[in-house]
Amino acid sequence: MFDIDRAARVLLTVGVAAPVVALVAVLIAAAAYAGFDHARQYLSELGGATAAHPWIFNAGVLTAGVMTGFAGLGFGLAVVILTRSPVSAIAVGLLFVLAGIGLVVSSLYAWPDPRHMAINLGLGIQLAPAFLLVALRNADRFLRLKQFLFLVFIAMAVLTVVTKHLVFPGTVNDFNVGYWERAFAIVLVGWVGVAAHLLKRGLADRKTPLDDG
């Protein structure tokens, strides 16, 4: 018999691991790229033509992309368990799956191939915290997760308007764009692991007496 609760928790574990895989790939690829300038160069260049070992970054991004898609299924199943709303589950899961597809395609077509820009599909995952907040608004024992999702959504919104030069033009420039991209990437990818952990823990503990968390 299919155990939806167990499946959700297993897939959420994949979601916890996905950002770690991406981070390790970036660190190893950067260490293998002599003279890589974190301030001025984009992360995609770690998998591009100028990198000595581009496969390190691209393999890591591809793996993280596949894991993100599976994590989306875990988030979707968790939403079904907690809310009985397949519509909310599909909306949340779809954002993750699209992000995963974007990562996979971008890893197969390395920078500067124009098809590498499929990675922009991953930007839709910025909406996932808001969708999760709405879906879980009546769910018990997820206060910490809801607070975290709210803060993450605000952080990504601020980073978006700054990096797109919608406010404080000139703050992001050719001399520091790499740092801004990394900050955005850490929030954009890292929140998935934290949210997956909190959601998984909530699923495991939901049959015990309620507390304020």
C-alpha atoms as a PDB file:
ATOM      1  CA  MET A   1       0.000   0.000   0.000  1.00  0.00           C
ATOM      2  CA  PHE A   2       1.279   3.470  -0.898  1.00  0.00           C
ATOM      3  CA  ASP A   3       2.201   5.412   2.230  1.00  0.00           C
ATOM      4  CA  ILE A   4       1.809   9.069   1.224  1.00  0.00           C
ATOM      5  CA  ASP A   5       3.177  10.318   4.533  1.00  0.00           C
ATOM      6  CA  ARG A   6       6.371   8.294   4.234  1.00  0.00           C
ATOM      7  CA  ALA A   7       6.783   9.241   0.569  1.00  0.00           C
ATOM      8  CA  ALA A   8       6.449  12.931   1.417  1.00  0.00           C
ATOM      9  CA  ARG A   9       9.092  12.713   4.128  1.00  0.00           C
ATOM     10  CA  VAL A  10      11.529  10.812   1.892  1.00  0.00           C
ATOM     11  CA  LEU A  11      11.112  13.350  -0.914  1.00  0.00           C
ATOM     12  CA  LEU A  12      11.498  16.234   1.523  1.00  0.00           C
ATOM     13  CA  THR A  13      14.789  14.682   2.622  1.00  0.00           C
ATOM     14  CA  VAL A  14      15.874  14.992  -1.002  1.00  0.00           C
ATOM     15  CA  GLY A  15      14.872  18.655  -0.763  1.00  0.00           C
ATOM     16  CA  VAL A  16      17.117  19.116   2.273  1.00  0.00           C
ATOM     17  CA  ALA A  17      20.050  17.615   0.379  1.00  0.00           C
ATOM     18  CA  ALA A  18      19.592  19.469  -2.939  1.00  0.00           C
ATOM     19  CA  PRO A  19      21.046  22.838  -1.811  1.00  0.00           C
ATOM     20  CA  VAL A  20      23.983  21.018  -0.225  1.00  0.00           C
ATOM     21  CA  VAL A  21      24.761  19.284  -3.527  1.00  0.00           C
ATOM     22  CA  ALA A  22      24.603  22.621  -5.353  1.00  0.00           C
ATOM     23  CA  LEU A  23      26.859  24.327  -2.796  1.00  0.00           C
ATOM     24  CA  VAL A  24      29.474  21.556  -2.883  1.00  0.00           C
ATOM     25  CA  ALA A  25      29.532  21.634  -6.682  1.00  0.00           C
ATOM     26  CA  VAL A  26      30.074  25.405  -6.695  1.00  0.00           C
ATOM     27  CA  LEU A  27      32.857  25.254  -4.106  1.00  0.00           C
ATOM     28  CA  ILE A  28      34.731  22.459  -5.892  1.00  0.00           C
ATOM     29  CA  ALA A  29      34.252  24.062  -9.319  1.00  0.00           C
ATOM     30  CA  ALA A  30      35.491  27.424  -8.037  1.00  0.00           C
ATOM     31  CA  ALA A  31      38.541  25.805  -6.441  1.00  0.00           C
ATOM     32  CA  ALA A  32      39.316  24.106  -9.763  1.00  0.00           C
ATOM     33  CA  TYR A  33      39.019  27.373 -11.721  1.00  0.00           C
ATOM     34  CA  ALA A  34      42.334  29.191 -11.364  1.00  0.00           C
ATOM     35  CA  GLY A  35      41.896  32.930 -10.953  1.00  0.00           C
ATOM     36  CA  PHE A  36      38.107  32.836 -10.689  1.00  0.00           C
ATOM     37  CA  ASP A  37      36.916  36.248  -9.508  1.00  0.00           C
ATOM     38  CA  HIS A  38      33.927  35.896  -7.185  1.00  0.00           C
ATOM     39  CA  ALA A  39      33.287  39.632  -7.267  1.00  0.00           C
ATOM     40  CA  ARG A  40      33.060  40.078 -11.036  1.00  0.00           C
ATOM     41  CA  GLN A  41      32.258  36.672 -12.504  1.00  0.00           C
ATOM     42  CA  TYR A  42      28.925  34.863 -12.618  1.00  0.00           C
ATOM     43  CA  LEU A  43      28.457  31.364 -11.232  1.00  0.00           C
ATOM     44  CA  SER A  44      27.497  30.089 -14.689  1.00  0.00           C
ATOM     45  CA  GLU A  45      31.049  30.767 -15.838  1.00  0.00           C
ATOM     46  CA  LEU A  46      32.175  27.873 -13.642  1.00  0.00           C
ATOM     47  CA  GLY A  47      30.543  25.601 -16.200  1.00  0.00           C
ATOM     48  CA  GLY A  48      31.444  27.638 -19.272  1.00  0.00           C
ATOM     49  CA  ALA A  49      34.125  27.538 -21.940  1.00  0.00           C
ATOM     50  CA  THR A  50      36.754  29.317 -19.830  1.00  0.00           C
ATOM     51  CA  ALA A  51      36.557  26.839 -16.954  1.00  0.00           C
ATOM     52  CA  ALA A  52      39.234  24.133 -16.795  1.00  0.00           C
ATOM     53  CA  HIS A  53      36.769  21.527 -15.520  1.00  0.00           C
ATOM     54  CA  PRO A  54      33.267  22.739 -16.439  1.00  0.00           C
ATOM     55  CA  TRP A  55      31.739  19.298 -15.906  1.00  0.00           C
ATOM     56  CA  ILE A  56      32.082  19.695 -12.124  1.00  0.00           C
ATOM     57  CA  PHE A  57      29.701  22.635 -11.972  1.00  0.00           C
ATOM     58  CA  ASN A  58      27.377  21.336 -14.688  1.00  0.00           C
ATOM     59  CA  ALA A  59      27.076  17.875 -13.148  1.00  0.00           C
ATOM     60  CA  GLY A  60      26.333  19.419  -9.775  1.00  0.00           C
ATOM     61  CA  VAL A  61      23.668  21.729 -11.198  1.00  0.00           C
ATOM     62  CA  LEU A  62      22.078  18.866 -13.140  1.00  0.00           C
ATOM     63  CA  THR A  63      21.950  16.676 -10.027  1.00  0.00           C
ATOM     64  CA  ALA A  64      20.563  19.500  -7.903  1.00  0.00           C
ATOM     65  CA  GLY A  65      17.964  20.202 -10.596  1.00  0.00           C
ATOM     66  CA  VAL A  66      16.716  16.618 -10.612  1.00  0.00           C
ATOM     67  CA  MET A  67      16.625  16.629  -6.815  1.00  0.00           C
ATOM     68  CA  THR A  68      14.671  19.911  -6.822  1.00  0.00           C
ATOM     69  CA  GLY A  69      12.016  18.342  -9.027  1.00  0.00           C
ATOM     70  CA  PHE A  70      11.642  15.407  -6.643  1.00  0.00           C
ATOM     71  CA  ALA A  71      11.595  17.796  -3.695  1.00  0.00           C
ATOM     72  CA  GLY A  72       8.683  19.580  -5.349  1.00  0.00           C
ATOM     73  CA  LEU A  73       6.745  16.328  -5.311  1.00  0.00           C
ATOM     74  CA  GLY A  74       7.493  16.074  -1.608  1.00  0.00           C
ATOM     75  CA  PHE A  75       6.242  19.599  -0.942  1.00  0.00           C
ATOM     76  CA  GLY A  76       3.136  18.852  -2.988  1.00  0.00           C
ATOM     77  CA  LEU A  77       2.395  15.631  -1.108  1.00  0.00           C
ATOM     78  CA  ALA A  78       2.905  17.414   2.208  1.00  0.00           C
ATOM     79  CA  VAL A  79       0.417  20.098   1.206  1.00  0.00           C
ATOM     80  CA  VAL A  80      -2.130  17.406   0.251  1.00  0.00           C
ATOM     81  CA  ILE A  81      -1.649  15.686   3.609  1.00  0.00           C
ATOM     82  CA  LEU A  82      -2.052  18.901   5.576  1.00  0.00           C
ATOM     83  CA  THR A  83      -4.700  20.745   3.573  1.00  0.00           C
ATOM     84  CA  ARG A  84      -6.468  18.135   1.397  1.00  0.00           C
ATOM     85  CA  SER A  85      -6.155  20.679  -1.394  1.00  0.00           C
ATOM     86  CA  PRO A  86      -4.809  19.163  -4.647  1.00  0.00           C
ATOM     87  CA  VAL A  87      -4.939  22.574  -6.325  1.00  0.00           C
ATOM     88  CA  SER A  88      -2.536  24.118  -3.806  1.00  0.00           C
ATOM     89  CA  ALA A  89      -0.323  21.037  -3.974  1.00  0.00           C
ATOM     90  CA  ILE A  90      -0.095  21.184  -7.765  1.00  0.00           C
ATOM     91  CA  ALA A  91       0.665  24.922  -7.700  1.00  0.00           C
ATOM     92  CA  VAL A  92       3.501  24.489  -5.197  1.00  0.00           C
ATOM     93  CA  GLY A  93       4.893  21.346  -6.805  1.00  0.00           C
ATOM     94  CA  LEU A  94       4.826  22.840 -10.280  1.00  0.00           C
ATOM     95  CA  LEU A  95       7.047  25.759  -9.256  1.00  0.00           C
ATOM     96  CA  PHE A  96       9.660  23.315  -7.991  1.00  0.00           C
ATOM     97  CA  VAL A  97       9.438  21.086 -11.051  1.00  0.00           C
ATOM     98  CA  LEU A  98       9.867  24.068 -13.387  1.00  0.00           C
ATOM     99  CA  ALA A  99      12.871  25.210 -11.364  1.00  0.00           C
ATOM    100  CA  GLY A 100      14.341  21.739 -11.613  1.00  0.00           C
ATOM    101  CA  ILE A 101      13.818  21.662 -15.372  1.00  0.00           C
ATOM    102  CA  GLY A 102      15.509  25.050 -15.697  1.00  0.00           C
ATOM    103  CA  LEU A 103      18.538  23.828 -13.761  1.00  0.00           C
ATOM    104  CA  VAL A 104      18.818  20.620 -15.775  1.00  0.00           C
ATOM    105  CA  VAL A 105      18.518  22.359 -19.158  1.00  0.00           C
ATOM    106  CA  SER A 106      20.998  25.075 -18.165  1.00  0.00           C
ATOM    107  CA  SER A 107      23.517  22.407 -17.152  1.00  0.00           C
ATOM    108  CA  LEU A 108      23.176  20.629 -20.492  1.00  0.00           C
ATOM    109  CA  TYR A 109      23.678  23.883 -22.427  1.00  0.00           C
ATOM    110  CA  ALA A 110      26.528  25.608 -20.658  1.00  0.00           C
ATOM    111  CA  TRP A 111      27.157  29.342 -20.710  1.00  0.00           C
ATOM    112  CA  PRO A 112      27.358  31.215 -23.103  1.00  0.00           C
ATOM    113  CA  ASP A 113      24.927  29.036 -25.110  1.00  0.00           C
ATOM    114  CA  PRO A 114      21.656  31.056 -25.276  1.00  0.00           C
ATOM    115  CA  ARG A 115      19.744  27.954 -24.185  1.00  0.00           C
ATOM    116  CA  HIS A 116      21.544  28.228 -20.861  1.00  0.00           C
ATOM    117  CA  MET A 117      19.072  30.984 -20.006  1.00  0.00           C
ATOM    118  CA  ALA A 118      16.493  28.275 -19.350  1.00  0.00           C
ATOM    119  CA  ILE A 119      17.863  28.637 -15.837  1.00  0.00           C
ATOM    120  CA  ASN A 120      15.467  31.588 -15.509  1.00  0.00           C
ATOM    121  CA  LEU A 121      12.687  29.027 -15.098  1.00  0.00           C
ATOM    122  CA  GLY A 122      14.140  28.589 -11.638  1.00  0.00           C
ATOM    123  CA  LEU A 123      13.276  32.156 -10.708  1.00  0.00           C
ATOM    124  CA  GLY A 124       9.632  31.150 -10.421  1.00  0.00           C
ATOM    125  CA  ILE A 125      10.518  29.355  -7.212  1.00  0.00           C
ATOM    126  CA  GLN A 126      10.574  32.797  -5.587  1.00  0.00           C
ATOM    127  CA  LEU A 127       6.784  32.531  -5.514  1.00  0.00           C
ATOM    128  CA  ALA A 128       6.796  29.150  -3.775  1.00  0.00           C
ATOM    129  CA  PRO A 129       7.120  30.579  -0.222  1.00  0.00           C
ATOM    130  CA  ALA A 130       4.025  32.728  -0.798  1.00  0.00           C
ATOM    131  CA  PHE A 131       2.089  29.780  -2.240  1.00  0.00           C
ATOM    132  CA  LEU A 132       3.111  27.631   0.728  1.00  0.00           C
ATOM    133  CA  LEU A 133       2.100  30.331   3.186  1.00  0.00           C
ATOM    134  CA  VAL A 134      -1.363  30.492   1.655  1.00  0.00           C
ATOM    135  CA  ALA A 135      -1.683  26.713   1.469  1.00  0.00           C
ATOM    136  CA  LEU A 136      -0.586  26.179   5.094  1.00  0.00           C
ATOM    137  CA  ARG A 137      -2.396  29.156   6.597  1.00  0.00           C
ATOM    138  CA  ASN A 138      -4.702  26.915   8.663  1.00  0.00           C
ATOM    139  CA  ALA A 139      -2.204  24.133   9.357  1.00  0.00           C
ATOM    140  CA  ASP A 140      -1.273  23.606  13.004  1.00  0.00           C
ATOM    141  CA  ARG A 141       2.267  23.461  14.473  1.00  0.00           C
ATOM    142  CA  PHE A 142       3.972  25.179  11.526  1.00  0.00           C
ATOM    143  CA  LEU A 143       4.459  28.641  13.028  1.00  0.00           C
ATOM    144  CA  ARG A 144       8.244  28.594  12.623  1.00  0.00           C
ATOM    145  CA  LEU A 145       7.955  27.439   9.032  1.00  0.00           C
ATOM    146  CA  LYS A 146       5.433  30.176   8.239  1.00  0.00           C
ATOM    147  CA  GLN A 147       7.636  32.840   9.819  1.00  0.00           C
ATOM    148  CA  PHE A 148      10.613  31.548   7.861  1.00  0.00           C
ATOM    149  CA  LEU A 149       8.679  31.516   4.574  1.00  0.00           C
ATOM    150  CA  PHE A 150       7.545  35.085   5.117  1.00  0.00           C
ATOM    151  CA  LEU A 151      11.088  36.306   5.804  1.00  0.00           C
ATOM    152  CA  VAL A 152      12.459  34.428   2.799  1.00  0.00           C
ATOM    153  CA  PHE A 153       9.816  35.877   0.495  1.00  0.00           C
ATOM    154  CA  ILE A 154      10.643  39.403   1.672  1.00  0.00           C
ATOM    155  CA  ALA A 155      14.397  38.788   1.301  1.00  0.00           C
ATOM    156  CA  MET A 156      13.995  37.521  -2.269  1.00  0.00           C
ATOM    157  CA  ALA A 157      11.749  40.449  -3.154  1.00  0.00           C
ATOM    158  CA  VAL A 158      14.353  42.924  -1.860  1.00  0.00           C
ATOM    159  CA  LEU A 159      17.190  41.181  -3.697  1.00  0.00           C
ATOM    160  CA  THR A 160      15.130  41.135  -6.897  1.00  0.00           C
ATOM    161  CA  VAL A 161      14.369  44.851  -6.959  1.00  0.00           C
ATOM    162  CA  VAL A 162      17.968  45.755  -6.060  1.00  0.00           C
ATOM    163  CA  THR A 163      19.660  43.439  -8.572  1.00  0.00           C
ATOM    164  CA  LYS A 164      17.230  44.509 -11.306  1.00  0.00           C
ATOM    165  CA  HIS A 165      18.182  48.148 -10.598  1.00  0.00           C
ATOM    166  CA  LEU A 166      14.567  49.029  -9.764  1.00  0.00           C
ATOM    167  CA  VAL A 167      15.797  50.794  -6.619  1.00  0.00           C
ATOM    168  CA  PHE A 168      19.220  52.179  -5.667  1.00  0.00           C
ATOM    169  CA  PRO A 169      20.569  52.080  -9.234  1.00  0.00           C
ATOM    170  CA  GLY A 170      24.301  51.550  -9.333  1.00  0.00           C
ATOM    171  CA  THR A 171      24.403  49.540  -6.124  1.00  0.00           C
ATOM    172  CA  VAL A 172      24.965  46.411  -8.193  1.00  0.00           C
ATOM    173  CA  ASN A 173      27.770  46.989 -10.695  1.00  0.00           C
ATOM    174  CA  ASP A 174      30.495  45.199 -12.648  1.00  0.00           C
ATOM    175  CA  PHE A 175      32.798  45.252  -9.636  1.00  0.00           C
ATOM    176  CA  ASN A 176      30.451  43.464  -7.202  1.00  0.00           C
ATOM    177  CA  VAL A 177      27.799  41.709  -9.310  1.00  0.00           C
ATOM    178  CA  GLY A 178      29.231  38.307  -8.401  1.00  0.00           C
ATOM    179  CA  TYR A 179      28.685  38.884  -4.684  1.00  0.00           C
ATOM    180  CA  TRP A 180      25.098  39.955  -5.270  1.00  0.00           C
ATOM    181  CA  GLU A 181      24.444  36.919  -7.452  1.00  0.00           C
ATOM    182  CA  ARG A 182      25.797  34.622  -4.754  1.00  0.00           C
ATOM    183  CA  ALA A 183      23.645  36.261  -2.085  1.00  0.00           C
ATOM    184  CA  PHE A 184      20.596  35.799  -4.293  1.00  0.00           C
ATOM    185  CA  ALA A 185      21.544  32.191  -5.064  1.00  0.00           C
ATOM    186  CA  ILE A 186      22.029  31.329  -1.384  1.00  0.00           C
ATOM    187  CA  VAL A 187      18.551  32.595  -0.521  1.00  0.00           C
ATOM    188  CA  LEU A 188      16.909  31.264  -3.688  1.00  0.00           C
ATOM    189  CA  VAL A 189      18.291  27.750  -3.270  1.00  0.00           C
ATOM    190  CA  GLY A 190      19.031  27.544   0.435  1.00  0.00           C
ATOM    191  CA  TRP A 191      15.502  28.242   1.660  1.00  0.00           C
ATOM    192  CA  VAL A 192      14.331  25.007   0.032  1.00  0.00           C
ATOM    193  CA  GLY A 193      16.502  22.901   2.302  1.00  0.00           C
ATOM    194  CA  VAL A 194      15.414  24.708   5.475  1.00  0.00           C
ATOM    195  CA  ALA A 195      11.729  24.650   4.528  1.00  0.00           C
ATOM    196  CA  ALA A 196      11.917  20.962   3.596  1.00  0.00           C
ATOM    197  CA  HIS A 197      13.473  20.172   6.978  1.00  0.00           C
ATOM    198  CA  LEU A 198      10.851  22.108   8.936  1.00  0.00           C
ATOM    199  CA  LEU A 199       7.991  20.638   6.917  1.00  0.00           C
ATOM    200  CA  LYS A 200       9.350  17.104   7.267  1.00  0.00           C
ATOM    201  CA  ARG A 201       9.719  17.537  11.018  1.00  0.00           C
ATOM    202  CA  GLY A 202       6.196  18.908  11.257  1.00  0.00           C
ATOM    203  CA  LEU A 203       4.797  15.929   9.384  1.00  0.00           C
ATOM    204  CA  ALA A 204       6.611  13.514  11.686  1.00  0.00           C
ATOM    205  CA  ASP A 205       5.466  15.289  14.872  1.00  0.00           C
ATOM    206  CA  ARG A 206       1.917  16.270  13.972  1.00  0.00           C
ATOM    207  CA  LYS A 207       0.309  13.380  15.884  1.00  0.00           C
ATOM    208  CA  THR A 208       1.906  14.425  19.170  1.00  0.00           C
ATOM    209  CA  PRO A 209       0.345  17.067  21.486  1.00  0.00           C
ATOM    210  CA  LEU A 210       0.463  20.548  19.962  1.00  0.00           C
ATOM    211  CA  ASP A 211       3.031  23.105  21.021  1.00  0.00           C
ATOM    212  CA  ASP A 212       3.609  26.654  19.784  1.00  0.00           C
ATOM    213  CA  GLY A 213       5.934  25.548  16.948  1.00  0.00           C
END
